[in-house]
Amino acid sequence: MLENQLVPLVCVGIGMLIMFGVIPLVANHYSLNGIKSKTVGDGQYGTARFASEAELRKTFAYVPYEPKLWRQGKNLPETQGLVVGAKFTQRGVTALIDSGDIHLLMIGAAGVGKTANFLYPCIEYACASGMSFICTDTKGDLYRNYADIARKYYGYNISILDLRNPTRSDGDNILGMVNKYMDLYLENPENLANKAKAEKYAKITAKTIISSGGGDSSSYGQNAFFYDAAEGLLTSVILLIAEYCPKEQRHIISVFKLIQDLLAPSPVKGKNQFHLLMQKLPPTHKAKWFAGAALNSADQAMSSVLSTAMSRLNAFLDSEMEQILCFDSEMDTETFCNSKSAIFIVLPEEDTSATRF
């Protein structure tokens, strides 16, 4: 009698054990593929839905993901873009490529595969399709893992800006483009296009430095004149450094030192050192024109303009960073845009001051 009563209990226990084993197994194999690509109800909770297969093929390019063949120079993809997904079949992996002019944000917790499962495939595809790219990294893993691959298998120009170990970094002279076109102009003074490009890059560099705080003249209020005048003065000094200084001294530190010297007292009453320097230039020299706002201001305002420019240049005064800033760039902007190039920037997350560069 007792045995007959235990049989149902044993059966129930076995059933519960089987259920507890099946539930985790089913949960681990759960897939979003079971969700239909159709809206629910009448839109009470929105009309968003998963894209259908036809819509995916219309939006993305389906490209076989074959890095082994790509590194042999075979079946290189022609479509350039970002890898936003993949389809895995027995025949291989097919990458979904978004070739539009887009921004893509990847968010995930530590260990979910942001680098290994997303960024590495994107870098591999960028190399195979011939896109130039810039990678920022806090540890240098991207450079160590992919710089040699990009150079050896895909013929890329590689530059590393290591702000964690500046003495091991490539150079990055921010006056490089100004120096390049100034040299071309001095070799052939009749070619005014080179002079114009030198002036253009000088203005871009000066504006970048003055606006490094994140604002522009519209956000400075009553002080807008000083920042605008400092930008013109900085453009003027950059052009003078590029035109007259020896090649080994044409860098941003020389710009700071020249402005500092111009703040020294002048032997001529009513004129400071900057006025005396500008008097030595021809009336049509563009450096003189760019500094016009500062030259035609009162002495006190002139000193404020010079101080504003120096305050922005203070960020570049770093003995370690000078190992990067004072040497010619391994790769200039035009090379990066016109040929297959990759720049790896190592940013130490524990030193936020390095990010200003």
Protein backbone atom coordinates (compact mmCIF):
# COMPACT_ATOMS: atom_id res chain seq x y z
CA MET A 1 0.00 0.00 0.00
CA LEU A 2 2.80 2.39 0.92
CA GLU A 3 4.66 1.59 -2.26
CA ASN A 4 1.58 2.44 -4.32
CA GLN A 5 1.41 5.85 -2.65
CA LEU A 6 5.09 6.60 -3.39
CA VAL A 7 4.85 5.92 -7.12
CA PRO A 8 2.98 9.17 -7.98
CA LEU A 9 5.40 11.17 -5.84
CA VAL A 10 8.38 9.64 -7.58
CA CYS A 11 6.83 10.36 -10.98
CA VAL A 12 6.16 13.98 -10.01
CA GLY A 13 9.73 14.34 -8.76
CA ILE A 14 11.18 12.93 -11.96
CA GLY A 15 8.93 15.23 -13.99
CA MET A 16 10.09 18.28 -12.05
CA LEU A 17 13.75 17.33 -12.54
CA ILE A 18 13.18 16.97 -16.28
CA MET A 19 11.41 20.34 -16.36
CA PHE A 20 14.23 22.05 -14.46
CA GLY A 21 16.70 20.64 -16.98
CA VAL A 22 14.69 21.60 -20.05
CA ILE A 23 13.97 25.21 -19.03
CA PRO A 24 17.64 26.34 -18.96
CA LEU A 25 18.29 24.48 -22.19
CA VAL A 26 15.44 26.25 -23.96
CA ALA A 27 16.38 29.60 -22.44
CA ASN A 28 19.97 29.32 -23.72
CA HIS A 29 18.75 28.64 -27.25
CA TYR A 30 16.26 31.47 -27.34
CA SER A 31 16.38 33.48 -30.55
CA LEU A 32 14.82 36.71 -31.81
CA ASN A 33 14.14 34.98 -35.11
CA GLY A 34 10.79 33.85 -33.76
CA ILE A 35 9.53 37.43 -33.57
CA LYS A 36 7.59 38.25 -36.70
CA SER A 37 8.46 41.32 -38.78
CA LYS A 38 5.02 42.88 -38.48
CA THR A 39 3.42 45.56 -36.37
CA VAL A 40 1.23 44.65 -33.40
CA GLY A 41 -2.31 45.90 -32.91
CA ASP A 42 -3.25 49.32 -34.24
CA GLY A 43 -0.09 51.10 -33.13
CA GLN A 44 -1.16 51.64 -29.52
CA TYR A 45 2.40 50.78 -28.43
CA GLY A 46 4.16 52.09 -31.52
CA THR A 47 4.56 50.83 -35.06
CA ALA A 48 8.19 49.72 -34.90
CA ARG A 49 8.99 46.22 -36.12
CA PHE A 50 11.90 44.10 -37.25
CA ALA A 51 12.96 44.59 -40.86
CA SER A 52 12.00 41.91 -43.34
CA GLU A 53 14.58 40.04 -45.41
CA ALA A 54 13.66 42.08 -48.50
CA GLU A 55 14.13 45.34 -46.58
CA LEU A 56 17.50 44.18 -45.25
CA ARG A 57 18.74 43.38 -48.75
CA LYS A 58 17.53 46.76 -49.97
CA THR A 59 19.26 48.62 -47.12
CA PHE A 60 22.52 46.70 -46.76
CA ALA A 61 25.03 45.14 -49.11
CA TYR A 62 25.55 41.41 -48.60
CA VAL A 63 29.27 40.67 -48.91
CA PRO A 64 30.97 37.30 -48.23
CA TYR A 65 33.25 37.81 -45.24
CA GLU A 66 36.47 36.05 -46.30
CA PRO A 67 39.49 37.55 -44.50
CA LYS A 68 41.74 34.61 -45.40
CA LEU A 69 41.21 35.25 -49.12
CA TRP A 70 41.37 39.03 -48.68
CA ARG A 71 44.83 38.77 -47.11
CA GLN A 72 45.92 36.89 -50.23
CA GLY A 73 44.61 39.68 -52.43
CA LYS A 74 41.63 37.63 -53.65
CA ASN A 75 37.91 38.54 -53.79
CA LEU A 76 38.53 41.98 -52.30
CA PRO A 77 35.20 43.76 -51.72
CA GLU A 78 34.39 46.88 -53.72
CA THR A 79 31.65 48.22 -51.44
CA GLN A 80 32.98 50.45 -48.69
CA GLY A 81 31.15 50.85 -45.42
CA LEU A 82 30.64 49.53 -41.89
CA VAL A 83 29.91 45.96 -40.86
CA VAL A 84 26.60 46.19 -39.01
CA GLY A 85 25.67 42.52 -38.90
CA ALA A 86 26.34 39.05 -40.25
CA LYS A 87 24.57 35.90 -41.37
CA PHE A 88 26.14 32.55 -40.52
CA THR A 89 25.47 29.55 -42.75
CA GLN A 90 27.20 26.29 -43.57
CA ARG A 91 28.71 27.94 -46.63
CA GLY A 92 30.36 30.68 -44.60
CA VAL A 93 29.76 34.13 -43.16
CA THR A 94 28.02 36.94 -45.02
CA ALA A 95 28.58 40.47 -43.73
CA LEU A 96 25.87 43.11 -43.84
CA ILE A 97 27.51 46.35 -44.99
CA ASP A 98 25.99 49.79 -44.59
CA SER A 99 27.61 51.86 -47.33
CA GLY A 100 25.83 55.10 -46.45
CA ASP A 101 27.33 58.22 -44.85
CA ILE A 102 26.38 57.20 -41.32
CA HIS A 103 27.48 57.28 -37.71
CA LEU A 104 27.31 54.06 -35.72
CA LEU A 105 27.23 53.83 -31.94
CA MET A 106 28.18 50.56 -30.26
CA ILE A 107 27.29 50.23 -26.57
CA GLY A 108 27.92 47.18 -24.44
CA ALA A 109 29.12 46.06 -21.05
CA ALA A 110 32.65 44.79 -20.47
CA GLY A 111 33.27 41.44 -22.10
CA VAL A 112 30.36 41.43 -24.57
CA GLY A 113 32.70 41.60 -27.57
CA LYS A 114 32.75 45.28 -28.59
CA THR A 115 36.33 44.97 -29.80
CA ALA A 116 36.74 41.33 -30.81
CA ASN A 117 33.31 40.77 -32.36
CA PHE A 118 32.57 44.21 -33.76
CA LEU A 119 35.58 46.49 -34.11
CA TYR A 120 38.04 43.91 -35.46
CA PRO A 121 35.68 42.81 -38.28
CA CYS A 122 35.09 46.47 -39.16
CA ILE A 123 38.85 47.14 -39.32
CA GLU A 124 39.45 44.02 -41.39
CA TYR A 125 36.73 45.02 -43.84
CA ALA A 126 38.01 48.60 -44.00
CA CYS A 127 41.46 47.30 -44.94
CA ALA A 128 40.06 44.91 -47.55
CA SER A 129 37.91 47.60 -49.17
CA GLY A 130 40.68 50.23 -49.09
CA MET A 131 39.23 52.75 -46.64
CA SER A 132 41.49 55.02 -44.63
CA PHE A 133 40.63 55.06 -40.94
CA ILE A 134 41.61 56.39 -37.53
CA CYS A 135 41.48 54.20 -34.41
CA THR A 136 41.61 55.48 -30.85
CA ASP A 137 42.62 53.04 -28.14
CA THR A 138 43.41 53.31 -24.45
CA LYS A 139 45.74 50.30 -24.26
CA GLY A 140 47.27 49.98 -27.73
CA ASP A 141 45.75 46.58 -28.47
CA LEU A 142 44.34 47.70 -31.81
CA TYR A 143 47.73 48.88 -33.00
CA ARG A 144 49.54 45.74 -31.84
CA ASN A 145 46.96 43.42 -33.40
CA TYR A 146 46.17 45.13 -36.69
CA ALA A 147 48.93 47.55 -37.72
CA ASP A 148 51.15 44.81 -39.12
CA ILE A 149 48.20 43.11 -40.82
CA ALA A 150 47.16 46.33 -42.53
CA ARG A 151 50.74 47.05 -43.62
CA LYS A 152 51.76 43.53 -44.65
CA TYR A 153 48.64 42.18 -46.32
CA TYR A 154 46.84 45.29 -47.53
CA GLY A 155 49.67 47.75 -48.25
CA TYR A 156 48.57 50.46 -45.82
CA ASN A 157 50.55 53.46 -44.64
CA ILE A 158 50.62 53.21 -40.85
CA SER A 159 51.16 55.94 -38.26
CA ILE A 160 51.03 55.54 -34.49
CA LEU A 161 50.50 58.48 -32.13
CA ASP A 162 51.25 57.03 -28.73
CA LEU A 163 50.30 59.58 -26.09
CA ARG A 164 50.93 56.98 -23.40
CA ASN A 165 54.60 56.60 -24.44
CA PRO A 166 55.38 59.73 -26.49
CA THR A 167 59.06 58.84 -26.88
CA ARG A 168 58.01 55.75 -28.88
CA SER A 169 55.47 57.60 -31.00
CA ASP A 170 55.67 58.85 -34.56
CA GLY A 171 55.94 62.60 -35.04
CA ASP A 172 52.91 64.83 -35.52
CA ASN A 173 54.01 68.34 -36.39
CA ILE A 174 50.74 70.27 -36.62
CA LEU A 175 52.49 72.85 -38.82
CA GLY A 176 53.46 70.13 -41.30
CA MET A 177 51.06 71.15 -44.07
CA VAL A 178 51.95 74.83 -43.71
CA ASN A 179 55.66 73.99 -43.94
CA LYS A 180 55.10 71.70 -46.94
CA TYR A 181 53.36 74.30 -49.09
CA MET A 182 55.54 77.15 -47.90
CA ASP A 183 58.59 75.20 -49.11
CA LEU A 184 56.91 74.60 -52.48
CA TYR A 185 56.09 78.30 -52.78
CA LEU A 186 59.63 79.40 -51.90
CA GLU A 187 60.97 77.01 -54.55
CA ASN A 188 58.59 78.45 -57.15
CA PRO A 189 57.34 81.91 -56.10
CA GLU A 190 55.26 82.21 -59.27
CA ASN A 191 52.97 79.42 -58.14
CA LEU A 192 50.56 81.32 -55.91
CA ALA A 193 48.42 78.23 -55.37
CA ASN A 194 51.04 76.82 -52.99
CA LYS A 195 51.14 80.09 -51.07
CA ALA A 196 47.35 80.10 -50.81
CA LYS A 197 47.36 76.56 -49.44
CA ALA A 198 50.00 77.45 -46.87
CA GLU A 199 47.84 80.36 -45.72
CA LYS A 200 44.74 78.15 -45.65
CA TYR A 201 46.37 75.53 -43.43
CA ALA A 202 47.81 78.26 -41.19
CA LYS A 203 44.31 79.65 -40.66
CA ILE A 204 42.91 76.18 -39.97
CA THR A 205 45.66 75.48 -37.43
CA ALA A 206 45.20 78.81 -35.67
CA LYS A 207 41.43 78.41 -35.47
CA THR A 208 41.80 74.88 -34.11
CA ILE A 209 44.13 76.08 -31.36
CA ILE A 210 42.06 79.12 -30.36
CA SER A 211 38.83 77.08 -30.39
CA SER A 212 40.37 74.18 -28.46
CA GLY A 213 38.16 75.08 -25.49
CA GLY A 214 35.11 74.06 -27.48
CA GLY A 215 33.70 77.52 -28.17
CA ASP A 216 33.80 80.04 -30.99
CA SER A 217 33.66 83.82 -31.28
CA SER A 218 29.87 83.81 -30.84
CA SER A 219 30.19 82.26 -27.38
CA TYR A 220 32.83 84.66 -26.06
CA GLY A 221 30.52 87.66 -25.75
CA GLN A 222 32.34 90.93 -25.14
CA ASN A 223 35.70 89.13 -25.32
CA ALA A 224 35.11 87.95 -28.90
CA PHE A 225 37.48 90.61 -30.28
CA PHE A 226 40.43 89.28 -28.29
CA TYR A 227 39.89 85.71 -29.46
CA ASP A 228 39.38 86.71 -33.09
CA ALA A 229 42.43 88.98 -32.98
CA ALA A 230 44.46 86.23 -31.28
CA GLU A 231 43.46 83.84 -34.08
CA GLY A 232 44.70 86.29 -36.73
CA LEU A 233 47.90 86.93 -34.77
CA LEU A 234 48.51 83.21 -34.41
CA THR A 235 48.01 82.73 -38.16
CA SER A 236 50.53 85.49 -38.79
CA VAL A 237 53.17 83.99 -36.49
CA ILE A 238 52.69 80.49 -37.96
CA LEU A 239 53.33 81.86 -41.45
CA LEU A 240 56.45 83.68 -40.26
CA ILE A 241 57.79 80.52 -38.58
CA ALA A 242 57.13 78.46 -41.72
CA GLU A 243 58.78 81.00 -44.03
CA TYR A 244 61.83 82.18 -42.11
CA CYS A 245 62.82 79.59 -39.50
CA PRO A 246 65.22 76.68 -40.11
CA LYS A 247 63.45 73.40 -40.86
CA GLU A 248 64.25 71.86 -37.49
CA GLN A 249 62.62 74.81 -35.68
CA ARG A 250 59.35 74.99 -37.61
CA HIS A 251 56.93 73.64 -35.02
CA ILE A 252 54.32 74.87 -32.56
CA ILE A 253 56.82 75.34 -29.71
CA SER A 254 58.66 77.93 -31.82
CA VAL A 255 55.35 79.75 -32.27
CA PHE A 256 54.97 79.98 -28.49
CA LYS A 257 58.56 81.14 -27.98
CA LEU A 258 58.24 83.86 -30.64
CA ILE A 259 55.02 85.25 -29.12
CA GLN A 260 56.65 85.17 -25.69
CA ASP A 261 59.62 87.15 -27.03
CA LEU A 262 57.26 89.67 -28.60
CA LEU A 263 55.88 90.48 -25.14
CA ALA A 264 59.28 91.82 -24.04
CA PRO A 265 59.59 95.62 -23.56
CA SER A 266 60.37 97.60 -26.70
CA PRO A 267 63.14 100.21 -26.97
CA VAL A 268 60.82 102.36 -29.10
CA LYS A 269 58.21 104.33 -27.18
CA GLY A 270 54.63 103.67 -28.25
CA LYS A 271 55.48 100.46 -30.12
CA ASN A 272 55.92 96.96 -28.84
CA GLN A 273 58.13 94.23 -30.24
CA PHE A 274 55.35 92.90 -32.47
CA HIS A 275 54.99 96.30 -34.19
CA LEU A 276 58.74 96.40 -34.81
CA LEU A 277 58.68 92.89 -36.27
CA MET A 278 55.79 93.69 -38.63
CA GLN A 279 57.58 96.83 -39.85
CA LYS A 280 60.32 94.63 -41.29
CA LEU A 281 57.82 92.90 -43.60
CA PRO A 282 56.71 94.21 -47.00
CA PRO A 283 53.36 96.06 -46.96
CA THR A 284 51.76 93.25 -49.02
CA HIS A 285 52.93 90.39 -46.82
CA LYS A 286 49.92 88.34 -45.70
CA ALA A 287 51.34 87.78 -42.23
CA LYS A 288 51.04 91.53 -41.71
CA TRP A 289 47.45 91.49 -42.91
CA PHE A 290 46.36 88.63 -40.67
CA ALA A 291 47.70 90.50 -37.63
CA GLY A 292 45.93 93.73 -38.63
CA ALA A 293 43.34 93.63 -35.85
CA ALA A 294 46.03 93.27 -33.20
CA LEU A 295 48.38 95.83 -34.78
CA ASN A 296 45.72 98.54 -34.85
CA SER A 297 44.57 98.11 -31.26
CA ALA A 298 45.73 100.01 -28.19
CA ASP A 299 48.76 98.84 -26.23
CA GLN A 300 46.68 97.29 -23.45
CA ALA A 301 44.42 95.52 -25.94
CA MET A 302 47.46 94.33 -27.88
CA SER A 303 48.94 92.80 -24.73
CA SER A 304 45.62 91.07 -24.03
CA VAL A 305 45.59 89.60 -27.53
CA LEU A 306 49.13 88.26 -27.13
CA SER A 307 48.26 86.84 -23.71
CA THR A 308 45.14 85.16 -25.14
CA ALA A 309 47.20 83.46 -27.84
CA MET A 310 49.80 82.32 -25.31
CA SER A 311 47.15 80.94 -22.97
CA ARG A 312 45.92 78.65 -25.75
CA LEU A 313 49.47 77.55 -26.56
CA ASN A 314 50.22 76.64 -22.94
CA ALA A 315 48.59 73.26 -23.53
CA PHE A 316 51.45 72.29 -25.86
CA LEU A 317 54.16 72.90 -23.27
CA ASP A 318 54.95 69.35 -22.26
CA SER A 319 58.43 67.85 -22.43
CA GLU A 320 57.10 64.43 -23.39
CA MET A 321 54.61 65.71 -25.96
CA GLU A 322 57.31 67.83 -27.56
CA GLN A 323 58.80 64.54 -28.78
CA ILE A 324 55.71 64.27 -30.97
CA LEU A 325 54.98 67.92 -31.79
CA CYS A 326 58.50 68.96 -32.76
CA PHE A 327 59.12 66.30 -35.40
CA ASP A 328 57.70 66.00 -38.88
CA SER A 329 54.58 63.96 -39.34
CA GLU A 330 54.89 60.41 -40.58
CA MET A 331 51.72 60.96 -42.55
CA ASP A 332 50.10 64.25 -43.56
CA THR A 333 46.42 64.98 -44.12
CA GLU A 334 46.54 64.69 -47.89
CA THR A 335 48.35 61.35 -47.78
CA PHE A 336 45.73 60.05 -45.39
CA CYS A 337 42.91 61.13 -47.70
CA ASN A 338 44.45 60.10 -51.03
CA SER A 339 45.99 56.71 -50.20
CA LYS A 340 45.25 53.70 -48.04
CA SER A 341 46.28 54.87 -44.58
CA ALA A 342 45.59 54.06 -40.96
CA ILE A 343 46.33 56.16 -37.89
CA PHE A 344 46.30 54.56 -34.45
CA ILE A 345 46.02 56.97 -31.50
CA VAL A 346 46.76 55.60 -28.03
CA LEU A 347 44.98 57.75 -25.43
CA PRO A 348 45.75 56.99 -21.76
CA GLU A 349 42.42 57.00 -19.96
CA GLU A 350 44.06 57.78 -16.61
CA ASP A 351 45.62 61.01 -17.98
CA THR A 352 42.85 63.26 -19.27
CA SER A 353 45.32 66.07 -19.98
CA ALA A 354 46.69 64.09 -22.93
CA THR A 355 43.36 64.23 -24.76
CA ARG A 356 43.77 67.96 -25.46
CA PHE A 357 46.26 67.09 -28.18
